[in-house]
C-alpha atoms as a PDB file:
ATOM      1  CA  MET A   1      84.950  55.491  51.892  1.00  0.00           C
ATOM      2  CA  ILE A   2      82.360  55.272  49.320  1.00  0.00           C
ATOM      3  CA  PHE A   3      79.674  57.698  52.119  1.00  0.00           C
ATOM      4  CA  THR A   4      81.672  59.996  53.407  1.00  0.00           C
ATOM      5  CA  PRO A   5      85.116  61.983  52.328  1.00  0.00           C
ATOM      6  CA  ASN A   6      85.920  61.927  55.752  1.00  0.00           C
ATOM      7  CA  PHE A   7      85.337  58.649  57.561  1.00  0.00           C
ATOM      8  CA  LYS A   8      86.511  59.868  61.005  1.00  0.00           C
ATOM      9  CA  ARG A   9      84.506  63.291  60.992  1.00  0.00           C
ATOM     10  CA  ASN A  10      81.169  60.913  59.876  1.00  0.00           C
ATOM     11  CA  TRP A  11      81.969  57.770  61.075  1.00  0.00           C
ATOM     12  CA  THR A  12      78.479  57.650  63.015  1.00  0.00           C
ATOM     13  CA  PHE A  13      76.171  58.396  59.427  1.00  0.00           C
ATOM     14  CA  THR A  14      78.245  55.356  57.722  1.00  0.00           C
ATOM     15  CA  THR A  15      77.944  52.688  60.472  1.00  0.00           C
ATOM     16  CA  ALA A  16      74.710  53.372  60.766  1.00  0.00           C
ATOM     17  CA  VAL A  17      74.104  52.792  57.066  1.00  0.00           C
ATOM     18  CA  PHE A  18      75.527  49.407  57.744  1.00  0.00           C
ATOM     19  CA  LEU A  19      73.706  48.758  60.777  1.00  0.00           C
ATOM     20  CA  LEU A  20      70.318  49.245  58.587  1.00  0.00           C
ATOM     21  CA  ILE A  21      71.715  47.316  56.128  1.00  0.00           C
ATOM     22  CA  LEU A  22      72.469  44.238  58.729  1.00  0.00           C
ATOM     23  CA  LEU A  23      69.205  44.771  60.074  1.00  0.00           C
ATOM     24  CA  ASN A  24      67.430  44.685  56.869  1.00  0.00           C
ATOM     25  CA  ILE A  25      69.472  41.412  55.720  1.00  0.00           C
ATOM     26  CA  ILE A  26      68.365  39.537  59.408  1.00  0.00           C
ATOM     27  CA  ILE A  27      64.937  40.351  58.707  1.00  0.00           C
ATOM     28  CA  LEU A  28      64.436  39.022  54.939  1.00  0.00           C
ATOM     29  CA  LEU A  29      66.234  35.978  56.024  1.00  0.00           C
ATOM     30  CA  THR A  30      64.126  35.385  59.530  1.00  0.00           C
ATOM     31  CA  LEU A  31      60.790  36.973  59.031  1.00  0.00           C
ATOM     32  CA  ASP A  32      58.069  37.153  56.160  1.00  0.00           C
ATOM     33  CA  LEU A  33      58.030  39.509  52.915  1.00  0.00           C
ATOM     34  CA  LYS A  34      55.299  41.934  54.764  1.00  0.00           C
ATOM     35  CA  LEU A  35      57.561  42.550  57.729  1.00  0.00           C
ATOM     36  CA  SER A  36      60.676  43.352  55.051  1.00  0.00           C
ATOM     37  CA  ARG A  37      58.715  45.982  53.212  1.00  0.00           C
ATOM     38  CA  LEU A  38      58.075  47.645  56.362  1.00  0.00           C
ATOM     39  CA  ALA A  39      62.169  47.338  57.718  1.00  0.00           C
ATOM     40  CA  ARG A  40      62.398  48.733  54.279  1.00  0.00           C
ATOM     41  CA  LEU A  41      60.269  51.545  54.780  1.00  0.00           C
ATOM     42  CA  VAL A  42      61.373  52.693  57.989  1.00  0.00           C
ATOM     43  CA  SER A  43      64.876  52.429  56.511  1.00  0.00           C
ATOM     44  CA  VAL A  44      63.974  55.044  54.055  1.00  0.00           C
ATOM     45  CA  ALA A  45      61.649  57.397  56.200  1.00  0.00           C
ATOM     46  CA  ALA A  46      65.467  56.925  58.607  1.00  0.00           C
ATOM     47  CA  PHE A  47      67.509  58.542  55.741  1.00  0.00           C
ATOM     48  CA  PHE A  48      64.957  61.185  54.836  1.00  0.00           C
ATOM     49  CA  VAL A  49      64.562  62.637  58.533  1.00  0.00           C
ATOM     50  CA  PHE A  50      68.533  62.585  58.802  1.00  0.00           C
ATOM     51  CA  TYR A  51      68.254  64.536  55.652  1.00  0.00           C
ATOM     52  CA  ILE A  52      66.038  66.776  56.347  1.00  0.00           C
ATOM     53  CA  SER A  53      66.826  67.726  60.318  1.00  0.00           C
ATOM     54  CA  THR A  54      70.601  68.171  59.445  1.00  0.00           C
ATOM     55  CA  GLY A  55      71.639  71.956  59.357  1.00  0.00           C
ATOM     56  CA  LYS A  56      73.873  71.507  56.256  1.00  0.00           C
ATOM     57  CA  LEU A  57      72.386  73.140  53.514  1.00  0.00           C
ATOM     58  CA  LYS A  58      70.557  71.141  51.338  1.00  0.00           C
ATOM     59  CA  ASN A  59      70.102  69.690  47.589  1.00  0.00           C
ATOM     60  CA  ARG A  60      66.538  70.578  46.479  1.00  0.00           C
ATOM     61  CA  TRP A  61      66.307  67.839  43.855  1.00  0.00           C
ATOM     62  CA  VAL A  62      68.069  65.391  46.531  1.00  0.00           C
ATOM     63  CA  SER A  63      65.161  66.502  48.690  1.00  0.00           C
ATOM     64  CA  ILE A  64      62.564  65.937  46.408  1.00  0.00           C
ATOM     65  CA  ALA A  65      63.980  62.713  45.268  1.00  0.00           C
ATOM     66  CA  LEU A  66      63.755  61.404  48.962  1.00  0.00           C
ATOM     67  CA  ALA A  67      60.123  62.130  49.474  1.00  0.00           C
ATOM     68  CA  PHE A  68      59.146  60.671  46.258  1.00  0.00           C
ATOM     69  CA  PHE A  69      60.908  57.476  47.430  1.00  0.00           C
ATOM     70  CA  LEU A  70      59.570  57.313  50.872  1.00  0.00           C
ATOM     71  CA  GLY A  71      56.145  58.006  49.202  1.00  0.00           C
ATOM     72  CA  GLN A  72      56.915  54.803  47.149  1.00  0.00           C
ATOM     73  CA  GLU A  73      57.946  52.607  50.282  1.00  0.00           C
ATOM     74  CA  ILE A  74      54.550  53.313  51.586  1.00  0.00           C
ATOM     75  CA  PHE A  75      52.643  52.079  48.369  1.00  0.00           C
ATOM     76  CA  PHE A  76      55.124  49.228  48.359  1.00  0.00           C
ATOM     77  CA  GLN A  77      53.494  48.258  51.651  1.00  0.00           C
ATOM     78  CA  PHE A  78      50.682  47.275  49.183  1.00  0.00           C
ATOM     79  CA  TYR A  79      52.126  46.408  46.046  1.00  0.00           C
ATOM     80  CA  GLU A  80      49.768  43.649  45.313  1.00  0.00           C
ATOM     81  CA  ASN A  81      46.605  46.034  45.355  1.00  0.00           C
ATOM     82  CA  PRO A  82      46.208  48.044  42.055  1.00  0.00           C
ATOM     83  CA  TRP A  83      46.357  51.123  43.836  1.00  0.00           C
ATOM     84  CA  GLY A  84      49.733  50.189  45.477  1.00  0.00           C
ATOM     85  CA  PHE A  85      51.680  48.789  42.173  1.00  0.00           C
ATOM     86  CA  LYS A  86      50.423  52.107  40.289  1.00  0.00           C
ATOM     87  CA  GLY A  87      51.248  54.084  43.276  1.00  0.00           C
ATOM     88  CA  TYR A  88      54.832  52.669  43.199  1.00  0.00           C
ATOM     89  CA  MET A  89      55.710  52.589  40.034  1.00  0.00           C
ATOM     90  CA  ILE A  90      54.361  56.359  39.959  1.00  0.00           C
ATOM     91  CA  LEU A  91      56.293  57.811  42.850  1.00  0.00           C
ATOM     92  CA  GLY A  92      59.714  55.286  42.058  1.00  0.00           C
ATOM     93  CA  SER A  93      59.662  57.043  38.254  1.00  0.00           C
ATOM     94  CA  LEU A  94      59.002  60.624  39.744  1.00  0.00           C
ATOM     95  CA  ALA A  95      62.031  59.972  42.232  1.00  0.00           C
ATOM     96  CA  TYR A  96      64.333  58.967  39.448  1.00  0.00           C
ATOM     97  CA  THR A  97      62.917  61.777  37.613  1.00  0.00           C
ATOM     98  CA  MET A  98      64.604  64.178  40.215  1.00  0.00           C
ATOM     99  CA  ILE A  99      67.482  62.312  39.772  1.00  0.00           C
ATOM    100  CA  ILE A 100      68.436  62.661  36.765  1.00  0.00           C
ATOM    101  CA  VAL A 101      66.932  66.691  36.708  1.00  0.00           C
ATOM    102  CA  GLU A 102      69.661  67.423  39.542  1.00  0.00           C
ATOM    103  CA  CYS A 103      72.438  66.103  36.933  1.00  0.00           C
ATOM    104  CA  LEU A 104      70.933  67.781  33.844  1.00  0.00           C
ATOM    105  CA  PRO A 105      72.569  71.212  34.391  1.00  0.00           C
ATOM    106  CA  LYS A 106      75.924  69.877  34.447  1.00  0.00           C
ATOM    107  CA  PHE A 107      76.524  69.163  30.892  1.00  0.00           C
ATOM    108  CA  ASN A 108      75.714  69.835  27.545  1.00  0.00           C
ATOM    109  CA  PHE A 109      74.235  67.236  25.228  1.00  0.00           C
ATOM    110  CA  ARG A 110      75.799  68.393  22.319  1.00  0.00           C
ATOM    111  CA  SER A 111      79.034  68.062  23.111  1.00  0.00           C
ATOM    112  CA  ILE A 112      78.281  64.055  23.743  1.00  0.00           C
ATOM    113  CA  SER A 113      80.544  62.089  21.464  1.00  0.00           C
ATOM    114  CA  PRO A 114      79.299  60.253  18.619  1.00  0.00           C
ATOM    115  CA  ARG A 115      80.511  57.093  19.960  1.00  0.00           C
ATOM    116  CA  LEU A 116      78.959  57.297  23.303  1.00  0.00           C
ATOM    117  CA  ILE A 117      75.725  58.145  21.587  1.00  0.00           C
ATOM    118  CA  SER A 118      76.193  54.944  19.249  1.00  0.00           C
ATOM    119  CA  VAL A 119      76.985  52.746  22.610  1.00  0.00           C
ATOM    120  CA  ALA A 120      73.881  54.369  23.921  1.00  0.00           C
ATOM    121  CA  ILE A 121      71.407  53.347  21.101  1.00  0.00           C
ATOM    122  CA  LEU A 122      72.695  50.117  21.195  1.00  0.00           C
ATOM    123  CA  LEU A 123      72.518  49.628  25.024  1.00  0.00           C
ATOM    124  CA  ILE A 124      68.614  50.911  24.997  1.00  0.00           C
ATOM    125  CA  LEU A 125      67.687  48.532  22.030  1.00  0.00           C
ATOM    126  CA  ALA A 126      69.047  45.698  23.925  1.00  0.00           C
ATOM    127  CA  ASN A 127      67.166  46.743  26.869  1.00  0.00           C
ATOM    128  CA  VAL A 128      64.091  47.713  24.970  1.00  0.00           C
ATOM    129  CA  TYR A 129      64.001  44.205  23.832  1.00  0.00           C
ATOM    130  CA  THR A 130      64.726  42.445  26.698  1.00  0.00           C
ATOM    131  CA  LEU A 131      61.980  44.579  28.585  1.00  0.00           C
ATOM    132  CA  ASN A 132      59.542  43.138  25.774  1.00  0.00           C
ATOM    133  CA  VAL A 133      60.275  39.646  26.477  1.00  0.00           C
ATOM    134  CA  ILE A 134      59.706  40.157  30.055  1.00  0.00           C
ATOM    135  CA  ILE A 135      56.388  42.084  29.800  1.00  0.00           C
ATOM    136  CA  ASP A 136      55.373  38.749  27.205  1.00  0.00           C
ATOM    137  CA  MET A 137      56.246  36.825  30.580  1.00  0.00           C
ATOM    138  CA  LEU A 138      54.874  38.699  33.270  1.00  0.00           C
ATOM    139  CA  SER A 139      51.324  39.653  31.151  1.00  0.00           C
ATOM    140  CA  LEU A 140      49.490  37.599  33.517  1.00  0.00           C
ATOM    141  CA  SER A 141      50.828  39.750  36.252  1.00  0.00           C
ATOM    142  CA  PHE A 142      49.277  42.835  35.041  1.00  0.00           C
ATOM    143  CA  ARG A 143      45.323  43.701  36.111  1.00  0.00           C
ATOM    144  CA  ASP A 144      45.535  46.181  32.575  1.00  0.00           C
ATOM    145  CA  ASN A 145      46.887  48.131  30.047  1.00  0.00           C
ATOM    146  CA  PHE A 146      47.814  50.972  32.596  1.00  0.00           C
ATOM    147  CA  GLU A 147      49.788  49.145  34.654  1.00  0.00           C
ATOM    148  CA  ILE A 148      51.795  47.676  31.800  1.00  0.00           C
ATOM    149  CA  PHE A 149      52.582  51.307  30.426  1.00  0.00           C
ATOM    150  CA  LEU A 150      53.554  52.398  34.319  1.00  0.00           C
ATOM    151  CA  PHE A 151      56.173  49.470  33.563  1.00  0.00           C
ATOM    152  CA  TYR A 152      57.378  50.684  30.765  1.00  0.00           C
ATOM    153  CA  VAL A 153      57.812  54.224  31.901  1.00  0.00           C
ATOM    154  CA  TYR A 154      59.533  52.911  35.157  1.00  0.00           C
ATOM    155  CA  SER A 155      61.875  50.803  33.160  1.00  0.00           C
ATOM    156  CA  ALA A 156      62.450  53.715  30.690  1.00  0.00           C
ATOM    157  CA  PHE A 157      63.818  56.052  33.716  1.00  0.00           C
ATOM    158  CA  ILE A 158      65.737  53.542  34.978  1.00  0.00           C
ATOM    159  CA  MET A 159      67.439  53.304  31.161  1.00  0.00           C
ATOM    160  CA  VAL A 160      67.625  56.789  31.402  1.00  0.00           C
ATOM    161  CA  LEU A 161      69.318  57.465  34.878  1.00  0.00           C
ATOM    162  CA  GLY A 162      72.067  54.682  33.889  1.00  0.00           C
ATOM    163  CA  PHE A 163      72.752  57.040  30.591  1.00  0.00           C
ATOM    164  CA  ILE A 164      73.093  59.821  32.350  1.00  0.00           C
ATOM    165  CA  ALA A 165      75.287  58.543  35.105  1.00  0.00           C
ATOM    166  CA  VAL A 166      77.590  57.171  32.394  1.00  0.00           C
ATOM    167  CA  VAL A 167      77.936  60.167  30.608  1.00  0.00           C
ATOM    168  CA  TYR A 168      78.151  62.679  33.680  1.00  0.00           C
ATOM    169  CA  ASN A 169      81.058  60.344  34.447  1.00  0.00           C
ATOM    170  CA  ASN A 170      82.568  60.304  31.109  1.00  0.00           C
ATOM    171  CA  LYS A 171      82.374  64.423  31.380  1.00  0.00           C
ATOM    172  CA  TYR A 172      84.018  65.344  34.656  1.00  0.00           C
ATOM    173  CA  ASN A 173      85.151  62.252  36.023  1.00  0.00           C
ATOM    174  CA  SER A 174      85.331  63.576  39.753  1.00  0.00           C
ATOM    175  CA  THR A 175      84.647  62.159  43.109  1.00  0.00           C
ATOM    176  CA  ARG A 176      81.167  63.297  42.826  1.00  0.00           C
ATOM    177  CA  SER A 177      80.299  61.911  39.306  1.00  0.00           C
ATOM    178  CA  MET A 178      81.759  58.530  40.133  1.00  0.00           C
ATOM    179  CA  ARG A 179      79.317  58.549  43.344  1.00  0.00           C
ATOM    180  CA  TYR A 180      76.148  59.600  41.198  1.00  0.00           C
ATOM    181  CA  THR A 181      77.340  56.324  38.986  1.00  0.00           C
ATOM    182  CA  PHE A 182      77.230  54.105  41.996  1.00  0.00           C
ATOM    183  CA  ILE A 183      73.646  55.736  42.787  1.00  0.00           C
ATOM    184  CA  ALA A 184      72.562  55.203  40.026  1.00  0.00           C
ATOM    185  CA  PHE A 185      73.447  51.743  39.364  1.00  0.00           C
ATOM    186  CA  CYS A 186      72.742  50.861  42.594  1.00  0.00           C
ATOM    187  CA  PHE A 187      68.941  51.448  42.073  1.00  0.00           C
ATOM    188  CA  ILE A 188      69.218  49.878  38.539  1.00  0.00           C
ATOM    189  CA  PHE A 189      70.967  46.648  40.330  1.00  0.00           C
ATOM    190  CA  SER A 190      68.566  46.715  43.046  1.00  0.00           C
ATOM    191  CA  ASP A 191      65.185  46.964  40.511  1.00  0.00           C
ATOM    192  CA  ILE A 192      66.366  44.174  38.600  1.00  0.00           C
ATOM    193  CA  ALA A 193      67.190  41.879  41.326  1.00  0.00           C
ATOM    194  CA  SER A 194      63.624  42.971  43.134  1.00  0.00           C
ATOM    195  CA  LEU A 195      62.216  41.795  39.564  1.00  0.00           C
ATOM    196  CA  PHE A 196      63.820  38.400  39.372  1.00  0.00           C
ATOM    197  CA  ALA A 197      63.268  37.783  43.357  1.00  0.00           C
ATOM    198  CA  TYR A 198      59.368  38.446  43.047  1.00  0.00           C
ATOM    199  CA  TYR A 199      58.067  37.609  39.305  1.00  0.00           C
ATOM    200  CA  PHE A 200      60.790  34.709  38.690  1.00  0.00           C
ATOM    201  CA  GLY A 201      60.994  33.181  41.877  1.00  0.00           C
ATOM    202  CA  PHE A 202      64.795  33.464  42.392  1.00  0.00           C
ATOM    203  CA  GLU A 203      64.242  34.830  46.437  1.00  0.00           C
ATOM    204  CA  PHE A 204      67.650  35.041  47.213  1.00  0.00           C
ATOM    205  CA  LEU A 205      68.092  37.845  45.105  1.00  0.00           C
ATOM    206  CA  TYR A 206      66.041  39.787  47.657  1.00  0.00           C
ATOM    207  CA  ILE A 207      69.120  40.388  49.574  1.00  0.00           C
ATOM    208  CA  PHE A 208      70.937  41.950  46.847  1.00  0.00           C
ATOM    209  CA  SER A 209      67.728  43.850  46.003  1.00  0.00           C
ATOM    210  CA  ARG A 210      68.174  45.464  49.790  1.00  0.00           C
ATOM    211  CA  LEU A 211      71.698  45.551  49.717  1.00  0.00           C
ATOM    212  CA  PHE A 212      72.253  47.656  46.494  1.00  0.00           C
ATOM    213  CA  PHE A 213      68.713  49.767  47.425  1.00  0.00           C
ATOM    214  CA  LEU A 214      70.076  50.853  50.989  1.00  0.00           C
ATOM    215  CA  ILE A 215      73.595  51.635  49.750  1.00  0.00           C
ATOM    216  CA  GLY A 216      71.996  53.427  46.917  1.00  0.00           C
ATOM    217  CA  ILE A 217      70.111  55.656  49.312  1.00  0.00           C
ATOM    218  CA  GLY A 218      72.864  56.040  51.731  1.00  0.00           C
ATOM    219  CA  LEU A 219      74.952  57.349  48.691  1.00  0.00           C
ATOM    220  CA  PHE A 220      72.247  59.599  47.482  1.00  0.00           C
ATOM    221  CA  VAL A 221      71.568  61.344  50.909  1.00  0.00           C
ATOM    222  CA  SER A 222      75.678  61.459  51.314  1.00  0.00           C
ATOM    223  CA  TYR A 223      76.121  62.999  47.824  1.00  0.00           C
ATOM    224  CA  GLY A 224      73.211  65.514  48.717  1.00  0.00           C
ATOM    225  CA  LEU A 225      74.917  67.238  51.698  1.00  0.00           C
ATOM    226  CA  ASN A 226      78.448  67.106  50.990  1.00  0.00           C
ATOM    227  CA  SER A 227      79.263  70.361  49.398  1.00  0.00           C
ATOM    228  CA  GLU A 228      83.037  69.810  50.072  1.00  0.00           C
ATOM    229  CA  ILE A 229      83.040  67.466  46.445  1.00  0.00           C
ATOM    230  CA  ALA A 230      80.794  69.424  44.355  1.00  0.00           C
ATOM    231  CA  ARG A 231      83.043  72.430  44.741  1.00  0.00           C
ATOM    232  CA  GLU A 232      86.120  70.055  44.110  1.00  0.00           C
ATOM    233  CA  GLU A 233      84.940  69.135  41.092  1.00  0.00           C
ATOM    234  CA  ILE A 234      83.880  72.658  39.832  1.00  0.00           C
ATOM    235  CA  TYR A 235      87.405  73.530  40.393  1.00  0.00           C
ATOM    236  CA  GLU A 236      88.747  70.107  38.828  1.00  0.00           C
ATOM    237  CA  TYR A 237      86.569  71.112  35.791  1.00  0.00           C
ATOM    238  CA  ASP A 238      87.630  74.513  35.361  1.00  0.00           C
ATOM    239  CA  MET A 239      90.868  73.805  35.478  1.00  0.00           C
ATOM    240  CA  ILE A 240      90.689  70.971  32.694  1.00  0.00           C
ATOM    241  CA  ASN A 241      89.117  73.661  30.841  1.00  0.00           C
ATOM    242  CA  LYS A 242      91.795  76.233  31.346  1.00  0.00           C
ATOM    243  CA  LYS A 243      94.528  73.618  30.219  1.00  0.00           C
ATOM    244  CA  SER A 244      92.595  72.693  27.147  1.00  0.00           C
END
């Protein structure tokens, strides 16, 4: 089970995540965009309240990231307004920054293999080219240069998040690193699907955007609360170092 290591003990949380996903998809299919956004806001608020109300030791970076995600959802209700778009992009970038910062202490960039760096550079260049093409196609959708700048910044954090996740999992190859990678790519796929749904009219992708987003948030909450896999990762990595 990707949400929890012990399904019998944590079935309530796992069931709640799937029910939220089902409810959001039903609202997406039957109601308008405004109510769909409100459902997403309520879902994120529910995750945030659950996370801060639990008695377990909390990961501060996860707490801050969830707060930024909640703020982003508030601005998302007014996405068509200039301040709504800017607030959405700024708080989304800050949320991704916290997820990245949470992972940085786990590895040393000097230990990254040249092959992985080469692949990362190629992927970044490809993404930058694709981003420029998208910006040109969406030029009429932006109201000023600051919005274009924020779009670039937000996209850059998505790229960095994906790279960090791959490097983290490549080094540790643990349950926790795999979960972090799932989280990162759920958010990445959600943003890509949302982009094509909103700006290019592929409305069926809203379903995939919401699905990936809620799975990502659910995994993120579990990641922040699950100290067992954190200890397991440290133990496994120490054992590997002793053998090498």
